[in-house]
Amino acid sequence: MTIHLHKGDLPDGLDLGPRVAIDSETMGLSLIRDPLCVVQLSAGDGDAHVVQLNRPDYDCPNLKALLADPKVEKIFHFARFDVAMFLRYLRAMTAPVFCTKIASKLARTYTDRHGLKDVTRELLSVEISKQQQSSDWGAANLSEAQLQYAASDVLHLHALREQLLAMLEREKRGDLARACFAFVPTRAALDLAGWPDVDIFSHS
């Protein structure tokens, strides 16, 4: 595995293929309070690209173009949060999306454990560490441990997608999953607009 650290943006001319795994690191879990700091990506080739964003300008045209590219599928685990962060701080609407957490909830109905660590352990027999999840991602210099953690969150998403997609098709829930994925950008926009915990489809 090679981790490529990029300051500010992805390099010109980088082609990550038609399907790219993406995750982000922030200063916390509040969409309103906590800024976006890092975006990590993988083409599924065992390498990771970690972009340490320039704040508060977020001048990253190559990354923004990738997020909005309709020809590139973006694979996330809990896409709702990352897509909302990208919409708020990068002003980029991310699509199309494949969310392994949504896929897990629709396919793995025999469990309530849908965190990335649990899904990766069961489906790929791979243990990933979440030790650096709560660390200072706004630091001027990222530690080697932070880079390794950031990479681990995207290196297995392509393989998870394949496993979960097979399960979804087996259970005849593939179309339902794709409809949910297509709604993620709208769900993220609702979060930012003030409806994070409201079911707008409910009667009350």
C-alpha atoms as a PDB file:
ATOM      1  CA  MET A   1       0.000   0.000   0.000  1.00  0.00           C
ATOM      2  CA  THR A   2       1.165   3.496  -0.859  1.00  0.00           C
ATOM      3  CA  ILE A   3      -0.371   6.603   0.713  1.00  0.00           C
ATOM      4  CA  HIS A   4      -0.095   9.750  -1.381  1.00  0.00           C
ATOM      5  CA  LEU A   5      -0.487  12.959   0.627  1.00  0.00           C
ATOM      6  CA  HIS A   6      -1.692  15.966  -1.360  1.00  0.00           C
ATOM      7  CA  LYS A   7      -1.789  19.487   0.036  1.00  0.00           C
ATOM      8  CA  GLY A   8      -4.894  21.411  -0.951  1.00  0.00           C
ATOM      9  CA  ASP A   9      -6.167  19.407  -3.912  1.00  0.00           C
ATOM     10  CA  LEU A  10      -5.771  16.309  -6.047  1.00  0.00           C
ATOM     11  CA  PRO A  11      -2.982  16.670  -8.612  1.00  0.00           C
ATOM     12  CA  ASP A  12      -3.800  17.605 -12.182  1.00  0.00           C
ATOM     13  CA  GLY A  13      -4.376  14.650 -14.477  1.00  0.00           C
ATOM     14  CA  LEU A  14      -4.958  12.044 -11.744  1.00  0.00           C
ATOM     15  CA  ASP A  15      -7.399   9.408 -13.039  1.00  0.00           C
ATOM     16  CA  LEU A  16      -8.938   7.249 -10.332  1.00  0.00           C
ATOM     17  CA  GLY A  17     -11.182   5.359 -12.727  1.00  0.00           C
ATOM     18  CA  PRO A  18     -14.960   5.004 -13.019  1.00  0.00           C
ATOM     19  CA  ARG A  19     -15.478   4.088  -9.370  1.00  0.00           C
ATOM     20  CA  VAL A  20     -13.693   5.757  -6.444  1.00  0.00           C
ATOM     21  CA  ALA A  21     -13.929   5.164  -2.694  1.00  0.00           C
ATOM     22  CA  ILE A  22     -14.136   8.365  -0.659  1.00  0.00           C
ATOM     23  CA  ASP A  23     -14.238   9.319   3.018  1.00  0.00           C
ATOM     24  CA  SER A  24     -13.607  12.501   4.968  1.00  0.00           C
ATOM     25  CA  GLU A  25     -12.210  13.594   8.308  1.00  0.00           C
ATOM     26  CA  THR A  26     -13.604  16.565  10.231  1.00  0.00           C
ATOM     27  CA  MET A  27     -13.125  18.284  13.559  1.00  0.00           C
ATOM     28  CA  GLY A  28     -16.274  16.603  14.874  1.00  0.00           C
ATOM     29  CA  LEU A  29     -19.668  15.273  13.835  1.00  0.00           C
ATOM     30  CA  SER A  30     -21.632  18.514  13.676  1.00  0.00           C
ATOM     31  CA  LEU A  31     -22.407  19.686  10.152  1.00  0.00           C
ATOM     32  CA  ILE A  32     -22.782  23.235  11.441  1.00  0.00           C
ATOM     33  CA  ARG A  33     -19.913  23.540  13.913  1.00  0.00           C
ATOM     34  CA  ASP A  34     -17.125  21.237  12.748  1.00  0.00           C
ATOM     35  CA  PRO A  35     -15.119  22.020   9.604  1.00  0.00           C
ATOM     36  CA  LEU A  36     -14.043  19.589   6.911  1.00  0.00           C
ATOM     37  CA  CYS A  37     -10.287  18.934   7.083  1.00  0.00           C
ATOM     38  CA  VAL A  38      -9.273  15.890   5.047  1.00  0.00           C
ATOM     39  CA  VAL A  39     -10.648  13.880   2.132  1.00  0.00           C
ATOM     40  CA  GLN A  40      -9.218  10.463   1.330  1.00  0.00           C
ATOM     41  CA  LEU A  41      -9.777   8.489  -1.850  1.00  0.00           C
ATOM     42  CA  SER A  42      -8.866   5.147  -3.402  1.00  0.00           C
ATOM     43  CA  ALA A  43      -9.273   3.702  -6.882  1.00  0.00           C
ATOM     44  CA  GLY A  44      -9.505   0.219  -5.380  1.00  0.00           C
ATOM     45  CA  ASP A  45      -5.910  -0.572  -6.322  1.00  0.00           C
ATOM     46  CA  GLY A  46      -4.592  -0.782  -2.769  1.00  0.00           C
ATOM     47  CA  ASP A  47      -3.300   2.793  -2.715  1.00  0.00           C
ATOM     48  CA  ALA A  48      -4.845   5.833  -1.051  1.00  0.00           C
ATOM     49  CA  HIS A  49      -4.781   9.535  -1.856  1.00  0.00           C
ATOM     50  CA  VAL A  50      -5.167  11.806   1.170  1.00  0.00           C
ATOM     51  CA  VAL A  51      -6.012  15.445   0.494  1.00  0.00           C
ATOM     52  CA  GLN A  52      -5.274  17.841   3.349  1.00  0.00           C
ATOM     53  CA  LEU A  53      -7.595  20.716   2.501  1.00  0.00           C
ATOM     54  CA  ASN A  54      -6.697  24.393   2.672  1.00  0.00           C
ATOM     55  CA  ARG A  55      -9.031  26.061   5.129  1.00  0.00           C
ATOM     56  CA  PRO A  56     -11.053  28.232   5.023  1.00  0.00           C
ATOM     57  CA  ASP A  57     -10.758  28.787   1.261  1.00  0.00           C
ATOM     58  CA  TYR A  58     -11.180  25.140   0.201  1.00  0.00           C
ATOM     59  CA  ASP A  59      -9.696  25.891  -3.209  1.00  0.00           C
ATOM     60  CA  CYS A  60      -9.683  22.387  -4.687  1.00  0.00           C
ATOM     61  CA  PRO A  61     -11.084  22.421  -8.237  1.00  0.00           C
ATOM     62  CA  ASN A  62      -9.848  18.930  -9.135  1.00  0.00           C
ATOM     63  CA  LEU A  63     -11.485  17.336  -6.115  1.00  0.00           C
ATOM     64  CA  LYS A  64     -14.717  19.265  -6.675  1.00  0.00           C
ATOM     65  CA  ALA A  65     -14.831  18.192 -10.313  1.00  0.00           C
ATOM     66  CA  LEU A  66     -14.420  14.544  -9.322  1.00  0.00           C
ATOM     67  CA  LEU A  67     -17.200  14.731  -6.751  1.00  0.00           C
ATOM     68  CA  ALA A  68     -19.625  16.202  -9.277  1.00  0.00           C
ATOM     69  CA  ASP A  69     -18.561  14.009 -12.224  1.00  0.00           C
ATOM     70  CA  PRO A  70     -21.675  12.048 -13.308  1.00  0.00           C
ATOM     71  CA  LYS A  71     -19.493   9.372 -14.935  1.00  0.00           C
ATOM     72  CA  VAL A  72     -17.692   8.447 -11.695  1.00  0.00           C
ATOM     73  CA  GLU A  73     -19.467   6.501  -8.969  1.00  0.00           C
ATOM     74  CA  LYS A  74     -18.428   7.583  -5.480  1.00  0.00           C
ATOM     75  CA  ILE A  75     -18.397   4.815  -2.833  1.00  0.00           C
ATOM     76  CA  PHE A  76     -18.894   5.853   0.794  1.00  0.00           C
ATOM     77  CA  HIS A  77     -19.707   4.305   4.131  1.00  0.00           C
ATOM     78  CA  PHE A  78     -22.430   6.594   5.558  1.00  0.00           C
ATOM     79  CA  ALA A  79     -22.529   8.825   2.501  1.00  0.00           C
ATOM     80  CA  ARG A  80     -25.098  11.130   4.079  1.00  0.00           C
ATOM     81  CA  PHE A  81     -22.510  12.822   6.302  1.00  0.00           C
ATOM     82  CA  ASP A  82     -19.702  13.133   3.768  1.00  0.00           C
ATOM     83  CA  VAL A  83     -21.980  14.393   1.002  1.00  0.00           C
ATOM     84  CA  ALA A  84     -23.408  17.033   3.355  1.00  0.00           C
ATOM     85  CA  MET A  85     -19.903  18.127   4.360  1.00  0.00           C
ATOM     86  CA  PHE A  86     -18.858  18.432   0.715  1.00  0.00           C
ATOM     87  CA  LEU A  87     -21.996  20.415  -0.087  1.00  0.00           C
ATOM     88  CA  ARG A  88     -21.422  22.821   2.781  1.00  0.00           C
ATOM     89  CA  TYR A  89     -17.681  23.408   2.600  1.00  0.00           C
ATOM     90  CA  LEU A  90     -16.777  22.604  -1.013  1.00  0.00           C
ATOM     91  CA  ARG A  91     -20.080  23.733  -2.566  1.00  0.00           C
ATOM     92  CA  ALA A  92     -20.051  20.477  -4.527  1.00  0.00           C
ATOM     93  CA  MET A  93     -23.067  18.211  -4.966  1.00  0.00           C
ATOM     94  CA  THR A  94     -21.693  14.676  -4.954  1.00  0.00           C
ATOM     95  CA  ALA A  95     -23.289  12.140  -7.313  1.00  0.00           C
ATOM     96  CA  PRO A  96     -23.707   9.355  -8.227  1.00  0.00           C
ATOM     97  CA  VAL A  97     -23.277   7.617  -4.875  1.00  0.00           C
ATOM     98  CA  PHE A  98     -22.997   4.069  -3.545  1.00  0.00           C
ATOM     99  CA  CYS A  99     -23.294   3.854   0.245  1.00  0.00           C
ATOM    100  CA  THR A 100     -22.079   0.644   1.857  1.00  0.00           C
ATOM    101  CA  LYS A 101     -23.868   1.496   5.113  1.00  0.00           C
ATOM    102  CA  ILE A 102     -27.244   1.807   3.383  1.00  0.00           C
ATOM    103  CA  ALA A 103     -26.455  -1.364   1.435  1.00  0.00           C
ATOM    104  CA  SER A 104     -25.575  -3.157   4.661  1.00  0.00           C
ATOM    105  CA  LYS A 105     -28.818  -2.118   6.347  1.00  0.00           C
ATOM    106  CA  LEU A 106     -30.852  -3.340   3.383  1.00  0.00           C
ATOM    107  CA  ALA A 107     -28.909  -6.576   2.847  1.00  0.00           C
ATOM    108  CA  ARG A 108     -27.697  -7.624   6.330  1.00  0.00           C
ATOM    109  CA  THR A 109     -31.062  -7.584   8.098  1.00  0.00           C
ATOM    110  CA  TYR A 110     -29.883 -10.334  10.452  1.00  0.00           C
ATOM    111  CA  THR A 111     -27.800  -7.825  12.453  1.00  0.00           C
ATOM    112  CA  ASP A 112     -27.876  -4.272  13.732  1.00  0.00           C
ATOM    113  CA  ARG A 113     -24.095  -3.875  13.415  1.00  0.00           C
ATOM    114  CA  HIS A 114     -23.527  -1.782  10.312  1.00  0.00           C
ATOM    115  CA  GLY A 115     -20.384   0.169  11.238  1.00  0.00           C
ATOM    116  CA  LEU A 116     -17.504  -0.018   8.788  1.00  0.00           C
ATOM    117  CA  LYS A 117     -15.402  -2.062  11.184  1.00  0.00           C
ATOM    118  CA  ASP A 118     -18.147  -4.662  11.701  1.00  0.00           C
ATOM    119  CA  VAL A 119     -19.085  -4.964   8.034  1.00  0.00           C
ATOM    120  CA  THR A 120     -15.449  -5.245   6.934  1.00  0.00           C
ATOM    121  CA  ARG A 121     -14.737  -7.896   9.545  1.00  0.00           C
ATOM    122  CA  GLU A 122     -17.691 -10.064   8.543  1.00  0.00           C
ATOM    123  CA  LEU A 123     -17.634  -9.750   4.764  1.00  0.00           C
ATOM    124  CA  LEU A 124     -13.897  -9.433   4.104  1.00  0.00           C
ATOM    125  CA  SER A 125     -12.328 -10.986   7.235  1.00  0.00           C
ATOM    126  CA  VAL A 126     -10.288  -7.793   7.633  1.00  0.00           C
ATOM    127  CA  GLU A 127      -9.758  -5.964  10.911  1.00  0.00           C
ATOM    128  CA  ILE A 128      -9.508  -2.182  10.678  1.00  0.00           C
ATOM    129  CA  SER A 129      -8.547   0.101  13.554  1.00  0.00           C
ATOM    130  CA  LYS A 130     -10.652   3.116  14.538  1.00  0.00           C
ATOM    131  CA  GLN A 131      -8.068   4.360  17.058  1.00  0.00           C
ATOM    132  CA  GLN A 132      -7.348   7.635  15.249  1.00  0.00           C
ATOM    133  CA  GLN A 133     -11.006   8.460  14.603  1.00  0.00           C
ATOM    134  CA  SER A 134     -11.008  11.020  17.405  1.00  0.00           C
ATOM    135  CA  SER A 135      -7.855  12.989  16.724  1.00  0.00           C
ATOM    136  CA  ASP A 136      -6.932  16.489  15.608  1.00  0.00           C
ATOM    137  CA  TRP A 137      -7.564  16.411  11.871  1.00  0.00           C
ATOM    138  CA  GLY A 138      -7.093  20.177  11.678  1.00  0.00           C
ATOM    139  CA  ALA A 139      -3.420  19.934  12.621  1.00  0.00           C
ATOM    140  CA  ALA A 140      -0.908  21.512  10.251  1.00  0.00           C
ATOM    141  CA  ASN A 141       0.911  18.192   9.880  1.00  0.00           C
ATOM    142  CA  LEU A 142      -0.849  14.825   9.894  1.00  0.00           C
ATOM    143  CA  SER A 143       0.857  12.006  11.744  1.00  0.00           C
ATOM    144  CA  GLU A 144       1.722   8.685  10.142  1.00  0.00           C
ATOM    145  CA  ALA A 145      -0.951   7.078  12.322  1.00  0.00           C
ATOM    146  CA  GLN A 146      -3.558   9.516  11.025  1.00  0.00           C
ATOM    147  CA  LEU A 147      -2.570   8.836   7.420  1.00  0.00           C
ATOM    148  CA  GLN A 148      -2.777   5.089   7.975  1.00  0.00           C
ATOM    149  CA  TYR A 149      -6.200   5.482   9.571  1.00  0.00           C
ATOM    150  CA  ALA A 150      -7.488   7.699   6.778  1.00  0.00           C
ATOM    151  CA  ALA A 151      -6.306   5.198   4.184  1.00  0.00           C
ATOM    152  CA  SER A 152      -7.884   2.234   5.968  1.00  0.00           C
ATOM    153  CA  ASP A 153     -11.315   3.826   5.682  1.00  0.00           C
ATOM    154  CA  VAL A 154     -11.269   3.721   1.870  1.00  0.00           C
ATOM    155  CA  LEU A 155      -9.043   0.782   0.923  1.00  0.00           C
ATOM    156  CA  HIS A 156     -11.773  -1.849   1.352  1.00  0.00           C
ATOM    157  CA  LEU A 157     -14.871  -0.023   0.081  1.00  0.00           C
ATOM    158  CA  HIS A 158     -14.646  -1.408  -3.461  1.00  0.00           C
ATOM    159  CA  ALA A 159     -14.574  -4.985  -2.163  1.00  0.00           C
ATOM    160  CA  LEU A 160     -17.398  -4.253   0.272  1.00  0.00           C
ATOM    161  CA  ARG A 161     -19.455  -2.803  -2.561  1.00  0.00           C
ATOM    162  CA  GLU A 162     -19.112  -6.028  -4.552  1.00  0.00           C
ATOM    163  CA  GLN A 163     -20.052  -8.242  -1.612  1.00  0.00           C
ATOM    164  CA  LEU A 164     -23.035  -6.115  -0.599  1.00  0.00           C
ATOM    165  CA  LEU A 165     -24.246  -5.673  -4.158  1.00  0.00           C
ATOM    166  CA  ALA A 166     -24.335  -9.448  -4.565  1.00  0.00           C
ATOM    167  CA  MET A 167     -26.349  -9.772  -1.356  1.00  0.00           C
ATOM    168  CA  LEU A 168     -28.750  -7.018  -2.426  1.00  0.00           C
ATOM    169  CA  GLU A 169     -29.382  -8.664  -5.780  1.00  0.00           C
ATOM    170  CA  ARG A 170     -29.813 -12.054  -4.123  1.00  0.00           C
ATOM    171  CA  GLU A 171     -32.473 -10.617  -1.812  1.00  0.00           C
ATOM    172  CA  LYS A 172     -34.038  -8.655  -4.708  1.00  0.00           C
ATOM    173  CA  ARG A 173     -33.349  -5.298  -3.043  1.00  0.00           C
ATOM    174  CA  GLY A 174     -30.938  -3.877  -5.593  1.00  0.00           C
ATOM    175  CA  ASP A 175     -33.442  -1.459  -7.117  1.00  0.00           C
ATOM    176  CA  LEU A 176     -34.498  -0.281  -3.661  1.00  0.00           C
ATOM    177  CA  ALA A 177     -30.860   0.342  -2.738  1.00  0.00           C
ATOM    178  CA  ARG A 178     -30.192   2.309  -5.913  1.00  0.00           C
ATOM    179  CA  ALA A 179     -33.210   4.508  -5.217  1.00  0.00           C
ATOM    180  CA  CYS A 180     -31.874   5.175  -1.709  1.00  0.00           C
ATOM    181  CA  PHE A 181     -28.429   6.025  -3.076  1.00  0.00           C
ATOM    182  CA  ALA A 182     -29.968   8.497  -5.524  1.00  0.00           C
ATOM    183  CA  PHE A 183     -31.755  10.240  -2.645  1.00  0.00           C
ATOM    184  CA  VAL A 184     -28.587  10.737  -0.566  1.00  0.00           C
ATOM    185  CA  PRO A 185     -27.713  14.187  -2.006  1.00  0.00           C
ATOM    186  CA  THR A 186     -31.246  15.384  -1.248  1.00  0.00           C
ATOM    187  CA  ARG A 187     -31.070  13.896   2.250  1.00  0.00           C
ATOM    188  CA  ALA A 188     -27.788  15.750   2.799  1.00  0.00           C
ATOM    189  CA  ALA A 189     -29.339  19.007   1.584  1.00  0.00           C
ATOM    190  CA  LEU A 190     -32.233  18.506   4.014  1.00  0.00           C
ATOM    191  CA  ASP A 191     -29.740  18.030   6.861  1.00  0.00           C
ATOM    192  CA  LEU A 192     -28.069  21.331   6.021  1.00  0.00           C
ATOM    193  CA  ALA A 193     -31.394  23.124   5.549  1.00  0.00           C
ATOM    194  CA  GLY A 194     -32.593  22.309   9.070  1.00  0.00           C
ATOM    195  CA  TRP A 195     -34.374  18.949   8.822  1.00  0.00           C
ATOM    196  CA  PRO A 196     -31.707  16.546  10.162  1.00  0.00           C
ATOM    197  CA  ASP A 197     -33.968  14.497  12.452  1.00  0.00           C
ATOM    198  CA  VAL A 198     -37.384  14.997  10.879  1.00  0.00           C
ATOM    199  CA  ASP A 199     -39.091  12.339   8.770  1.00  0.00           C
ATOM    200  CA  ILE A 200     -40.663  14.526   6.110  1.00  0.00           C
ATOM    201  CA  PHE A 201     -42.665  11.537   4.864  1.00  0.00           C
ATOM    202  CA  SER A 202     -44.413  10.943   8.195  1.00  0.00           C
ATOM    203  CA  HIS A 203     -48.053  11.920   8.783  1.00  0.00           C
ATOM    204  CA  SER A 204     -47.334  14.030  11.865  1.00  0.00           C
END
